[in-house]
């Protein structure tokens, strides 16, 4: 079994992160063989950097599924500060959507 990390950030931030990763042999070694995606992200067997806006949760879910996230595998969702930038109503929708299956655990 392999642990897969999915990192979601705004498109501009993802582009900067992708550039930094591609210029660093240390970071490239950590994520292993990977490809730069057409939307500026990174895809590999163990790490996926996905450009998406959390204010558009349906697009986030679609992007995660398109990058290999399975609804049938236990999943830990970790939020680091980002939810504080969302309106309370949107924050509630994100938490409900994130915890929509019994296989998901959401930590904020």
PDB file of N, CA and C in Angstrom:
ATOM      1  N   UNK A   1       0.845  -1.182   0.000  1.00  0.00           N
ATOM      2  CA  UNK A   1       0.000   0.000   0.000  1.00  0.00           C
ATOM      3  C   UNK A   1       0.887   1.241   0.000  1.00  0.00           C
ATOM      4  N   UNK A   2       0.509   2.229  -0.771  1.00  0.00           N
ATOM      5  CA  UNK A   2       1.275   3.466  -0.881  1.00  0.00           C
ATOM      6  C   UNK A   2       0.419   4.634  -0.409  1.00  0.00           C
ATOM      7  N   UNK A   3       1.036   5.552   0.265  1.00  0.00           N
ATOM      8  CA  UNK A   3       0.357   6.770   0.674  1.00  0.00           C
ATOM      9  C   UNK A   3       0.520   7.791  -0.440  1.00  0.00           C
ATOM     10  N   UNK A   4      -0.566   8.407  -0.818  1.00  0.00           N
ATOM     11  CA  UNK A   4      -0.545   9.416  -1.874  1.00  0.00           C
ATOM     12  C   UNK A   4      -0.964  10.749  -1.274  1.00  0.00           C
ATOM     13  N   UNK A   5      -0.206  11.788  -1.567  1.00  0.00           N
ATOM     14  CA  UNK A   5      -0.491  13.135  -1.086  1.00  0.00           C
ATOM     15  C   UNK A   5      -1.072  13.965  -2.220  1.00  0.00           C
ATOM     16  N   UNK A   6      -2.136  14.691  -1.905  1.00  0.00           N
ATOM     17  CA  UNK A   6      -2.750  15.623  -2.847  1.00  0.00           C
ATOM     18  C   UNK A   6      -2.690  16.994  -2.209  1.00  0.00           C
ATOM     19  N   UNK A   7      -2.020  17.911  -2.863  1.00  0.00           N
ATOM     20  CA  UNK A   7      -1.928  19.282  -2.364  1.00  0.00           C
ATOM     21  C   UNK A   7      -2.708  20.181  -3.310  1.00  0.00           C
ATOM     22  N   UNK A   8      -3.602  20.963  -2.736  1.00  0.00           N
ATOM     23  CA  UNK A   8      -4.434  21.870  -3.527  1.00  0.00           C
ATOM     24  C   UNK A   8      -4.097  23.300  -3.133  1.00  0.00           C
ATOM     25  N   UNK A   9      -3.900  24.128  -4.146  1.00  0.00           N
ATOM     26  CA  UNK A   9      -3.654  25.539  -3.885  1.00  0.00           C
ATOM     27  C   UNK A   9      -4.147  26.331  -5.083  1.00  0.00           C
ATOM     28  N   UNK A  10      -4.183  27.637  -4.927  1.00  0.00           N
ATOM     29  CA  UNK A  10      -4.609  28.502  -6.023  1.00  0.00           C
ATOM     30  C   UNK A  10      -3.662  28.348  -7.211  1.00  0.00           C
ATOM     31  N   UNK A  11      -4.163  28.507  -8.431  1.00  0.00           N
ATOM     32  CA  UNK A  11      -3.339  28.287  -9.616  1.00  0.00           C
ATOM     33  C   UNK A  11      -2.015  29.048  -9.631  1.00  0.00           C
ATOM     34  N   UNK A  12      -2.015  30.307  -9.251  1.00  0.00           N
ATOM     35  CA  UNK A  12      -0.764  31.078  -9.238  1.00  0.00           C
ATOM     36  C   UNK A  12       0.253  30.516  -8.263  1.00  0.00           C
ATOM     37  N   UNK A  13      -0.215  30.071  -7.127  1.00  0.00           N
ATOM     38  CA  UNK A  13       0.672  29.483  -6.117  1.00  0.00           C
ATOM     39  C   UNK A  13       1.207  28.140  -6.608  1.00  0.00           C
ATOM     40  N   UNK A  14       0.341  27.354  -7.230  1.00  0.00           N
ATOM     41  CA  UNK A  14       0.764  26.054  -7.766  1.00  0.00           C
ATOM     42  C   UNK A  14       1.838  26.243  -8.836  1.00  0.00           C
ATOM     43  N   UNK A  15       1.675  27.229  -9.686  1.00  0.00           N
ATOM     44  CA  UNK A  15       2.694  27.491 -10.714  1.00  0.00           C
ATOM     45  C   UNK A  15       4.044  27.810 -10.087  1.00  0.00           C
ATOM     46  N   UNK A  16       4.042  28.624  -9.032  1.00  0.00           N
ATOM     47  CA  UNK A  16       5.306  28.949  -8.358  1.00  0.00           C
ATOM     48  C   UNK A  16       5.906  27.712  -7.691  1.00  0.00           C
ATOM     49  N   UNK A  17       5.056  26.917  -7.035  1.00  0.00           N
ATOM     50  CA  UNK A  17       5.545  25.704  -6.382  1.00  0.00           C
ATOM     51  C   UNK A  17       6.107  24.722  -7.408  1.00  0.00           C
ATOM     52  N   UNK A  18       5.425  24.552  -8.529  1.00  0.00           N
ATOM     53  CA  UNK A  18       5.895  23.656  -9.588  1.00  0.00           C
ATOM     54  C   UNK A  18       7.258  24.089 -10.115  1.00  0.00           C
ATOM     55  N   UNK A  19       7.424  25.392 -10.300  1.00  0.00           N
ATOM     56  CA  UNK A  19       8.704  25.920 -10.775  1.00  0.00           C
ATOM     57  C   UNK A  19       9.810  25.637  -9.767  1.00  0.00           C
ATOM     58  N   UNK A  20       9.528  25.877  -8.478  1.00  0.00           N
ATOM     59  CA  UNK A  20      10.529  25.610  -7.440  1.00  0.00           C
ATOM     60  C   UNK A  20      10.887  24.130  -7.368  1.00  0.00           C
ATOM     61  N   UNK A  21       9.887  23.277  -7.450  1.00  0.00           N
ATOM     62  CA  UNK A  21      10.145  21.832  -7.402  1.00  0.00           C
ATOM     63  C   UNK A  21      10.975  21.405  -8.597  1.00  0.00           C
ATOM     64  N   UNK A  22      10.634  21.894  -9.775  1.00  0.00           N
ATOM     65  CA  UNK A  22      11.353  21.473 -10.983  1.00  0.00           C
ATOM     66  C   UNK A  22      12.802  21.953 -11.005  1.00  0.00           C
ATOM     67  N   UNK A  23      13.119  22.984 -10.227  1.00  0.00           N
ATOM     68  CA  UNK A  23      14.487  23.499 -10.165  1.00  0.00           C
ATOM     69  C   UNK A  23      15.308  22.882  -9.034  1.00  0.00           C
ATOM     70  N   UNK A  24      14.686  22.076  -8.183  1.00  0.00           N
ATOM     71  CA  UNK A  24      15.367  21.524  -7.012  1.00  0.00           C
ATOM     72  C   UNK A  24      15.527  20.018  -7.135  1.00  0.00           C
ATOM     73  N   UNK A  25      16.761  19.563  -7.213  1.00  0.00           N
ATOM     74  CA  UNK A  25      16.994  18.121  -7.304  1.00  0.00           C
ATOM     75  C   UNK A  25      16.540  17.408  -6.027  1.00  0.00           C
ATOM     76  N   UNK A  26      16.665  18.064  -4.887  1.00  0.00           N
ATOM     77  CA  UNK A  26      16.225  17.465  -3.616  1.00  0.00           C
ATOM     78  C   UNK A  26      14.713  17.223  -3.641  1.00  0.00           C
ATOM     79  N   UNK A  27      13.952  18.232  -4.049  1.00  0.00           N
ATOM     80  CA  UNK A  27      12.497  18.087  -4.097  1.00  0.00           C
ATOM     81  C   UNK A  27      12.068  17.094  -5.171  1.00  0.00           C
ATOM     82  N   UNK A  28      12.721  17.129  -6.319  1.00  0.00           N
ATOM     83  CA  UNK A  28      12.387  16.173  -7.374  1.00  0.00           C
ATOM     84  C   UNK A  28      12.654  14.745  -6.913  1.00  0.00           C
ATOM     85  N   UNK A  29      13.730  14.531  -6.173  1.00  0.00           N
ATOM     86  CA  UNK A  29      14.022  13.196  -5.641  1.00  0.00           C
ATOM     87  C   UNK A  29      12.945  12.749  -4.658  1.00  0.00           C
ATOM     88  N   UNK A  30      12.412  13.674  -3.873  1.00  0.00           N
ATOM     89  CA  UNK A  30      11.389  13.339  -2.880  1.00  0.00           C
ATOM     90  C   UNK A  30      10.083  12.879  -3.517  1.00  0.00           C
ATOM     91  N   UNK A  31       9.683  13.508  -4.624  1.00  0.00           N
ATOM     92  CA  UNK A  31       8.405  13.130  -5.238  1.00  0.00           C
ATOM     93  C   UNK A  31       8.565  12.052  -6.301  1.00  0.00           C
ATOM     94  N   UNK A  32       9.790  11.779  -6.700  1.00  0.00           N
ATOM     95  CA  UNK A  32      10.023  10.717  -7.669  1.00  0.00           C
ATOM     96  C   UNK A  32       9.639  11.116  -9.080  1.00  0.00           C
ATOM     97  N   UNK A  33       9.499  10.102  -9.918  1.00  0.00           N
ATOM     98  CA  UNK A  33       9.154  10.345 -11.318  1.00  0.00           C
ATOM     99  C   UNK A  33       7.807  11.056 -11.380  1.00  0.00           C
ATOM    100  N   UNK A  34       7.754  12.163 -12.110  1.00  0.00           N
ATOM    101  CA  UNK A  34       6.539  12.971 -12.165  1.00  0.00           C
ATOM    102  C   UNK A  34       6.425  13.668 -13.514  1.00  0.00           C
ATOM    103  N   UNK A  35       5.253  14.203 -13.749  1.00  0.00           N
ATOM    104  CA  UNK A  35       5.025  15.006 -14.950  1.00  0.00           C
ATOM    105  C   UNK A  35       4.414  16.331 -14.539  1.00  0.00           C
ATOM    106  N   UNK A  36       4.709  17.350 -15.321  1.00  0.00           N
ATOM    107  CA  UNK A  36       4.044  18.641 -15.149  1.00  0.00           C
ATOM    108  C   UNK A  36       2.746  18.564 -15.946  1.00  0.00           C
ATOM    109  N   UNK A  37       1.646  18.901 -15.312  1.00  0.00           N
ATOM    110  CA  UNK A  37       0.354  18.809 -15.976  1.00  0.00           C
ATOM    111  C   UNK A  37       0.072  20.058 -16.803  1.00  0.00           C
ATOM    112  N   UNK A  38      -0.875  19.949 -17.703  1.00  0.00           N
ATOM    113  CA  UNK A  38      -1.178  21.071 -18.597  1.00  0.00           C
ATOM    114  C   UNK A  38      -1.712  22.297 -17.847  1.00  0.00           C
ATOM    115  N   UNK A  39      -2.237  22.080 -16.638  1.00  0.00           N
ATOM    116  CA  UNK A  39      -2.754  23.208 -15.861  1.00  0.00           C
ATOM    117  C   UNK A  39      -1.728  23.766 -14.878  1.00  0.00           C
ATOM    118  N   UNK A  40      -0.472  23.326 -14.990  1.00  0.00           N
ATOM    119  CA  UNK A  40       0.594  23.865 -14.161  1.00  0.00           C
ATOM    120  C   UNK A  40       0.884  23.071 -12.904  1.00  0.00           C
ATOM    121  N   UNK A  41       0.165  21.988 -12.688  1.00  0.00           N
ATOM    122  CA  UNK A  41       0.372  21.165 -11.506  1.00  0.00           C
ATOM    123  C   UNK A  41       1.445  20.105 -11.711  1.00  0.00           C
ATOM    124  N   UNK A  42       1.517  19.205 -10.756  1.00  0.00           N
ATOM    125  CA  UNK A  42       2.467  18.093 -10.794  1.00  0.00           C
ATOM    126  C   UNK A  42       1.695  16.814 -10.488  1.00  0.00           C
ATOM    127  N   UNK A  43       2.000  15.751 -11.216  1.00  0.00           N
ATOM    128  CA  UNK A  43       1.360  14.462 -10.970  1.00  0.00           C
ATOM    129  C   UNK A  43       2.435  13.386 -10.866  1.00  0.00           C
ATOM    130  N   UNK A  44       2.331  12.595  -9.801  1.00  0.00           N
ATOM    131  CA  UNK A  44       3.210  11.439  -9.638  1.00  0.00           C
ATOM    132  C   UNK A  44       2.447  10.362  -8.877  1.00  0.00           C
ATOM    133  N   UNK A  45       3.079   9.222  -8.691  1.00  0.00           N
ATOM    134  CA  UNK A  45       2.417   8.132  -7.963  1.00  0.00           C
ATOM    135  C   UNK A  45       2.186   8.475  -6.496  1.00  0.00           C
ATOM    136  N   UNK A  46       3.023   9.342  -5.933  1.00  0.00           N
ATOM    137  CA  UNK A  46       2.936   9.619  -4.493  1.00  0.00           C
ATOM    138  C   UNK A  46       2.571  11.062  -4.148  1.00  0.00           C
ATOM    139  N   UNK A  47       2.605  11.968  -5.128  1.00  0.00           N
ATOM    140  CA  UNK A  47       2.360  13.383  -4.844  1.00  0.00           C
ATOM    141  C   UNK A  47       1.681  14.038  -6.035  1.00  0.00           C
ATOM    142  N   UNK A  48       0.625  14.772  -5.754  1.00  0.00           N
ATOM    143  CA  UNK A  48      -0.087  15.515  -6.790  1.00  0.00           C
ATOM    144  C   UNK A  48      -0.309  16.935  -6.305  1.00  0.00           C
ATOM    145  N   UNK A  49       0.139  17.885  -7.093  1.00  0.00           N
ATOM    146  CA  UNK A  49      -0.036  19.306  -6.804  1.00  0.00           C
ATOM    147  C   UNK A  49      -1.091  19.818  -7.779  1.00  0.00           C
ATOM    148  N   UNK A  50      -2.222  20.227  -7.241  1.00  0.00           N
ATOM    149  CA  UNK A  50      -3.394  20.516  -8.066  1.00  0.00           C
ATOM    150  C   UNK A  50      -3.810  21.980  -7.919  1.00  0.00           C
ATOM    151  N   UNK A  51      -3.892  22.709  -9.038  1.00  0.00           N
ATOM    152  CA  UNK A  51      -4.380  24.081  -8.967  1.00  0.00           C
ATOM    153  C   UNK A  51      -5.907  24.096  -8.900  1.00  0.00           C
ATOM    154  N   UNK A  52      -6.445  24.668  -7.843  1.00  0.00           N
ATOM    155  CA  UNK A  52      -7.900  24.748  -7.698  1.00  0.00           C
ATOM    156  C   UNK A  52      -8.245  25.783  -6.637  1.00  0.00           C
ATOM    157  N   UNK A  53      -9.425  26.342  -6.762  1.00  0.00           N
ATOM    158  CA  UNK A  53      -9.927  27.328  -5.811  1.00  0.00           C
ATOM    159  C   UNK A  53     -10.940  26.638  -4.905  1.00  0.00           C
ATOM    160  N   UNK A  54     -10.685  26.604  -3.605  1.00  0.00           N
ATOM    161  CA  UNK A  54     -11.575  25.928  -2.666  1.00  0.00           C
ATOM    162  C   UNK A  54     -12.962  26.555  -2.596  1.00  0.00           C
ATOM    163  N   UNK A  55     -13.125  27.744  -3.140  1.00  0.00           N
ATOM    164  CA  UNK A  55     -14.449  28.339  -3.204  1.00  0.00           C
ATOM    165  C   UNK A  55     -15.337  27.634  -4.230  1.00  0.00           C
ATOM    166  N   UNK A  56     -14.726  26.792  -5.056  1.00  0.00           N
ATOM    167  CA  UNK A  56     -15.466  26.047  -6.085  1.00  0.00           C
ATOM    168  C   UNK A  56     -15.305  24.557  -5.807  1.00  0.00           C
ATOM    169  N   UNK A  57     -15.942  24.084  -4.750  1.00  0.00           N
ATOM    170  CA  UNK A  57     -15.733  22.740  -4.221  1.00  0.00           C
ATOM    171  C   UNK A  57     -16.029  21.642  -5.247  1.00  0.00           C
ATOM    172  N   UNK A  58     -17.005  21.839  -6.131  1.00  0.00           N
ATOM    173  CA  UNK A  58     -17.294  20.811  -7.130  1.00  0.00           C
ATOM    174  C   UNK A  58     -16.109  20.618  -8.071  1.00  0.00           C
ATOM    175  N   UNK A  59     -15.447  21.707  -8.433  1.00  0.00           N
ATOM    176  CA  UNK A  59     -14.273  21.602  -9.301  1.00  0.00           C
ATOM    177  C   UNK A  59     -13.102  20.974  -8.562  1.00  0.00           C
ATOM    178  N   UNK A  60     -12.993  21.238  -7.268  1.00  0.00           N
ATOM    179  CA  UNK A  60     -11.932  20.634  -6.462  1.00  0.00           C
ATOM    180  C   UNK A  60     -12.115  19.129  -6.420  1.00  0.00           C
ATOM    181  N   UNK A  61     -13.329  18.690  -6.138  1.00  0.00           N
ATOM    182  CA  UNK A  61     -13.617  17.248  -6.096  1.00  0.00           C
ATOM    183  C   UNK A  61     -13.325  16.606  -7.446  1.00  0.00           C
ATOM    184  N   UNK A  62     -13.740  17.239  -8.527  1.00  0.00           N
ATOM    185  CA  UNK A  62     -13.478  16.711  -9.867  1.00  0.00           C
ATOM    186  C   UNK A  62     -11.982  16.603 -10.137  1.00  0.00           C
ATOM    187  N   UNK A  63     -11.235  17.627  -9.727  1.00  0.00           N
ATOM    188  CA  UNK A  63      -9.782  17.615  -9.936  1.00  0.00           C
ATOM    189  C   UNK A  63      -9.123  16.502  -9.132  1.00  0.00           C
ATOM    190  N   UNK A  64      -9.570  16.304  -7.901  1.00  0.00           N
ATOM    191  CA  UNK A  64      -9.011  15.223  -7.081  1.00  0.00           C
ATOM    192  C   UNK A  64      -9.288  13.863  -7.713  1.00  0.00           C
ATOM    193  N   UNK A  65     -10.503  13.641  -8.153  1.00  0.00           N
ATOM    194  CA  UNK A  65     -10.854  12.367  -8.785  1.00  0.00           C
ATOM    195  C   UNK A  65     -10.087  12.165 -10.090  1.00  0.00           C
ATOM    196  N   UNK A  66      -9.927  13.238 -10.863  1.00  0.00           N
ATOM    197  CA  UNK A  66      -9.175  13.147 -12.120  1.00  0.00           C
ATOM    198  C   UNK A  66      -7.703  12.827 -11.880  1.00  0.00           C
ATOM    199  N   UNK A  67      -7.206  13.181 -10.697  1.00  0.00           N
ATOM    200  CA  UNK A  67      -5.803  12.915 -10.355  1.00  0.00           C
ATOM    201  C   UNK A  67      -5.630  11.628  -9.552  1.00  0.00           C
ATOM    202  N   UNK A  68      -6.666  10.794  -9.522  1.00  0.00           N
ATOM    203  CA  UNK A  68      -6.514   9.471  -8.946  1.00  0.00           C
ATOM    204  C   UNK A  68      -7.065   9.239  -7.553  1.00  0.00           C
ATOM    205  N   UNK A  69      -7.644  10.253  -6.913  1.00  0.00           N
ATOM    206  CA  UNK A  69      -8.225  10.036  -5.599  1.00  0.00           C
ATOM    207  C   UNK A  69      -9.396   9.073  -5.724  1.00  0.00           C
ATOM    208  N   UNK A  70      -9.443   8.091  -4.856  1.00  0.00           N
ATOM    209  CA  UNK A  70     -10.514   7.102  -4.879  1.00  0.00           C
ATOM    210  C   UNK A  70     -11.469   7.342  -3.722  1.00  0.00           C
ATOM    211  N   UNK A  71     -12.746   7.271  -4.003  1.00  0.00           N
ATOM    212  CA  UNK A  71     -13.755   7.417  -2.950  1.00  0.00           C
ATOM    213  C   UNK A  71     -13.811   6.179  -2.063  1.00  0.00           C
ATOM    214  N   UNK A  72     -13.186   5.096  -2.491  1.00  0.00           N
ATOM    215  CA  UNK A  72     -13.252   3.828  -1.767  1.00  0.00           C
ATOM    216  C   UNK A  72     -12.078   3.584  -0.835  1.00  0.00           C
ATOM    217  N   UNK A  73     -11.149   4.514  -0.786  1.00  0.00           N
ATOM    218  CA  UNK A  73      -9.945   4.346   0.032  1.00  0.00           C
ATOM    219  C   UNK A  73     -10.018   5.296   1.226  1.00  0.00           C
ATOM    220  N   UNK A  74      -9.673   4.820   2.423  1.00  0.00           N
ATOM    221  CA  UNK A  74      -9.659   5.739   3.571  1.00  0.00           C
ATOM    222  C   UNK A  74      -8.802   6.964   3.278  1.00  0.00           C
ATOM    223  N   UNK A  75      -9.330   8.134   3.629  1.00  0.00           N
ATOM    224  CA  UNK A  75      -8.686   9.395   3.264  1.00  0.00           C
ATOM    225  C   UNK A  75      -8.645  10.338   4.455  1.00  0.00           C
ATOM    226  N   UNK A  76      -7.499  10.942   4.680  1.00  0.00           N
ATOM    227  CA  UNK A  76      -7.335  11.978   5.692  1.00  0.00           C
ATOM    228  C   UNK A  76      -7.214  13.306   4.966  1.00  0.00           C
ATOM    229  N   UNK A  77      -8.094  14.244   5.271  1.00  0.00           N
ATOM    230  CA  UNK A  77      -8.051  15.587   4.691  1.00  0.00           C
ATOM    231  C   UNK A  77      -7.543  16.534   5.757  1.00  0.00           C
ATOM    232  N   UNK A  78      -6.478  17.243   5.446  1.00  0.00           N
ATOM    233  CA  UNK A  78      -5.851  18.150   6.397  1.00  0.00           C
ATOM    234  C   UNK A  78      -5.919  19.569   5.850  1.00  0.00           C
ATOM    235  N   UNK A  79      -6.455  20.463   6.648  1.00  0.00           N
ATOM    236  CA  UNK A  79      -6.552  21.858   6.252  1.00  0.00           C
ATOM    237  C   UNK A  79      -5.623  22.677   7.137  1.00  0.00           C
ATOM    238  N   UNK A  80      -4.728  23.406   6.501  1.00  0.00           N
ATOM    239  CA  UNK A  80      -3.813  24.274   7.248  1.00  0.00           C
ATOM    240  C   UNK A  80      -4.180  25.727   6.973  1.00  0.00           C
ATOM    241  N   UNK A  81      -4.973  26.302   7.829  1.00  0.00           N
ATOM    242  CA  UNK A  81      -5.331  27.718   7.828  1.00  0.00           C
ATOM    243  C   UNK A  81      -6.244  28.137   6.669  1.00  0.00           C
ATOM    244  N   UNK A  82      -6.236  27.446   5.571  1.00  0.00           N
ATOM    245  CA  UNK A  82      -6.921  27.907   4.367  1.00  0.00           C
ATOM    246  C   UNK A  82      -8.404  28.174   4.581  1.00  0.00           C
ATOM    247  N   UNK A  83      -9.069  27.425   5.428  1.00  0.00           N
ATOM    248  CA  UNK A  83     -10.505  27.624   5.616  1.00  0.00           C
ATOM    249  C   UNK A  83     -10.832  28.970   6.233  1.00  0.00           C
ATOM    250  N   UNK A  84      -9.869  29.589   6.888  1.00  0.00           N
ATOM    251  CA  UNK A  84     -10.123  30.911   7.472  1.00  0.00           C
ATOM    252  C   UNK A  84     -10.321  31.979   6.396  1.00  0.00           C
ATOM    253  N   UNK A  85      -9.921  31.684   5.165  1.00  0.00           N
ATOM    254  CA  UNK A  85     -10.076  32.638   4.069  1.00  0.00           C
ATOM    255  C   UNK A  85     -11.413  32.496   3.357  1.00  0.00           C
ATOM    256  N   UNK A  86     -12.204  31.495   3.745  1.00  0.00           N
ATOM    257  CA  UNK A  86     -13.500  31.278   3.123  1.00  0.00           C
ATOM    258  C   UNK A  86     -14.597  31.907   3.974  1.00  0.00           C
ATOM    259  N   UNK A  87     -15.666  32.330   3.327  1.00  0.00           N
ATOM    260  CA  UNK A  87     -16.833  32.840   4.056  1.00  0.00           C
ATOM    261  C   UNK A  87     -17.409  31.695   4.887  1.00  0.00           C
ATOM    262  N   UNK A  88     -17.977  31.994   6.071  1.00  0.00           N
ATOM    263  CA  UNK A  88     -18.504  30.930   6.938  1.00  0.00           C
ATOM    264  C   UNK A  88     -19.462  29.974   6.226  1.00  0.00           C
ATOM    265  N   UNK A  89     -20.309  30.481   5.367  1.00  0.00           N
ATOM    266  CA  UNK A  89     -21.248  29.612   4.639  1.00  0.00           C
ATOM    267  C   UNK A  89     -20.492  28.658   3.714  1.00  0.00           C
ATOM    268  N   UNK A  90     -19.482  29.177   3.027  1.00  0.00           N
ATOM    269  CA  UNK A  90     -18.680  28.328   2.149  1.00  0.00           C
ATOM    270  C   UNK A  90     -17.860  27.339   2.963  1.00  0.00           C
ATOM    271  N   UNK A  91     -17.345  27.788   4.097  1.00  0.00           N
ATOM    272  CA  UNK A  91     -16.572  26.911   4.977  1.00  0.00           C
ATOM    273  C   UNK A  91     -17.418  25.707   5.371  1.00  0.00           C
ATOM    274  N   UNK A  92     -18.669  25.941   5.753  1.00  0.00           N
ATOM    275  CA  UNK A  92     -19.554  24.851   6.153  1.00  0.00           C
ATOM    276  C   UNK A  92     -19.756  23.868   5.008  1.00  0.00           C
ATOM    277  N   UNK A  93     -19.956  24.373   3.806  1.00  0.00           N
ATOM    278  CA  UNK A  93     -20.142  23.496   2.642  1.00  0.00           C
ATOM    279  C   UNK A  93     -18.887  22.653   2.399  1.00  0.00           C
ATOM    280  N   UNK A  94     -17.704  23.248   2.564  1.00  0.00           N
ATOM    281  CA  UNK A  94     -16.462  22.512   2.325  1.00  0.00           C
ATOM    282  C   UNK A  94     -16.312  21.376   3.325  1.00  0.00           C
ATOM    283  N   UNK A  95     -16.607  21.647   4.587  1.00  0.00           N
ATOM    284  CA  UNK A  95     -16.473  20.624   5.622  1.00  0.00           C
ATOM    285  C   UNK A  95     -17.461  19.491   5.381  1.00  0.00           C
ATOM    286  N   UNK A  96     -18.693  19.828   5.058  1.00  0.00           N
ATOM    287  CA  UNK A  96     -19.695  18.794   4.778  1.00  0.00           C
ATOM    288  C   UNK A  96     -19.283  17.967   3.563  1.00  0.00           C
ATOM    289  N   UNK A  97     -18.841  18.625   2.506  1.00  0.00           N
ATOM    290  CA  UNK A  97     -18.419  17.901   1.308  1.00  0.00           C
ATOM    291  C   UNK A  97     -17.191  17.035   1.590  1.00  0.00           C
ATOM    292  N   UNK A  98     -16.260  17.552   2.366  1.00  0.00           N
ATOM    293  CA  UNK A  98     -15.032  16.817   2.663  1.00  0.00           C
ATOM    294  C   UNK A  98     -15.303  15.570   3.484  1.00  0.00           C
ATOM    295  N   UNK A  99     -16.286  15.630   4.334  1.00  0.00           N
ATOM    296  CA  UNK A  99     -16.584  14.499   5.218  1.00  0.00           C
ATOM    297  C   UNK A  99     -17.785  13.692   4.726  1.00  0.00           C
ATOM    298  N   UNK A 100     -18.080  13.746   3.446  1.00  0.00           N
ATOM    299  CA  UNK A 100     -19.299  13.152   2.900  1.00  0.00           C
ATOM    300  C   UNK A 100     -19.316  11.625   2.894  1.00  0.00           C
ATOM    301  N   UNK A 101     -18.204  10.983   3.138  1.00  0.00           N
ATOM    302  CA  UNK A 101     -18.195   9.525   3.160  1.00  0.00           C
ATOM    303  C   UNK A 101     -17.627   9.049   4.484  1.00  0.00           C
ATOM    304  N   UNK A 102     -17.983   7.836   4.882  1.00  0.00           N
ATOM    305  CA  UNK A 102     -17.453   7.319   6.149  1.00  0.00           C
ATOM    306  C   UNK A 102     -15.961   7.022   6.095  1.00  0.00           C
ATOM    307  N   UNK A 103     -15.365   7.034   4.910  1.00  0.00           N
ATOM    308  CA  UNK A 103     -13.936   6.734   4.761  1.00  0.00           C
ATOM    309  C   UNK A 103     -13.066   7.967   4.892  1.00  0.00           C
ATOM    310  N   UNK A 104     -13.673   9.126   5.118  1.00  0.00           N
ATOM    311  CA  UNK A 104     -12.900  10.357   5.184  1.00  0.00           C
ATOM    312  C   UNK A 104     -12.862  10.903   6.606  1.00  0.00           C
ATOM    313  N   UNK A 105     -11.715  11.420   6.976  1.00  0.00           N
ATOM    314  CA  UNK A 105     -11.546  12.120   8.236  1.00  0.00           C
ATOM    315  C   UNK A 105     -11.055  13.520   7.896  1.00  0.00           C
ATOM    316  N   UNK A 106     -11.678  14.526   8.451  1.00  0.00           N
ATOM    317  CA  UNK A 106     -11.333  15.915   8.157  1.00  0.00           C
ATOM    318  C   UNK A 106     -10.733  16.566   9.389  1.00  0.00           C
ATOM    319  N   UNK A 107      -9.530  17.090   9.270  1.00  0.00           N
ATOM    320  CA  UNK A 107      -8.868  17.812  10.360  1.00  0.00           C
ATOM    321  C   UNK A 107      -8.622  19.236   9.923  1.00  0.00           C
ATOM    322  N   UNK A 108      -9.047  20.171  10.748  1.00  0.00           N
ATOM    323  CA  UNK A 108      -8.823  21.578  10.397  1.00  0.00           C
ATOM    324  C   UNK A 108      -8.060  22.238  11.521  1.00  0.00           C
TER     325      UNK A 108
END
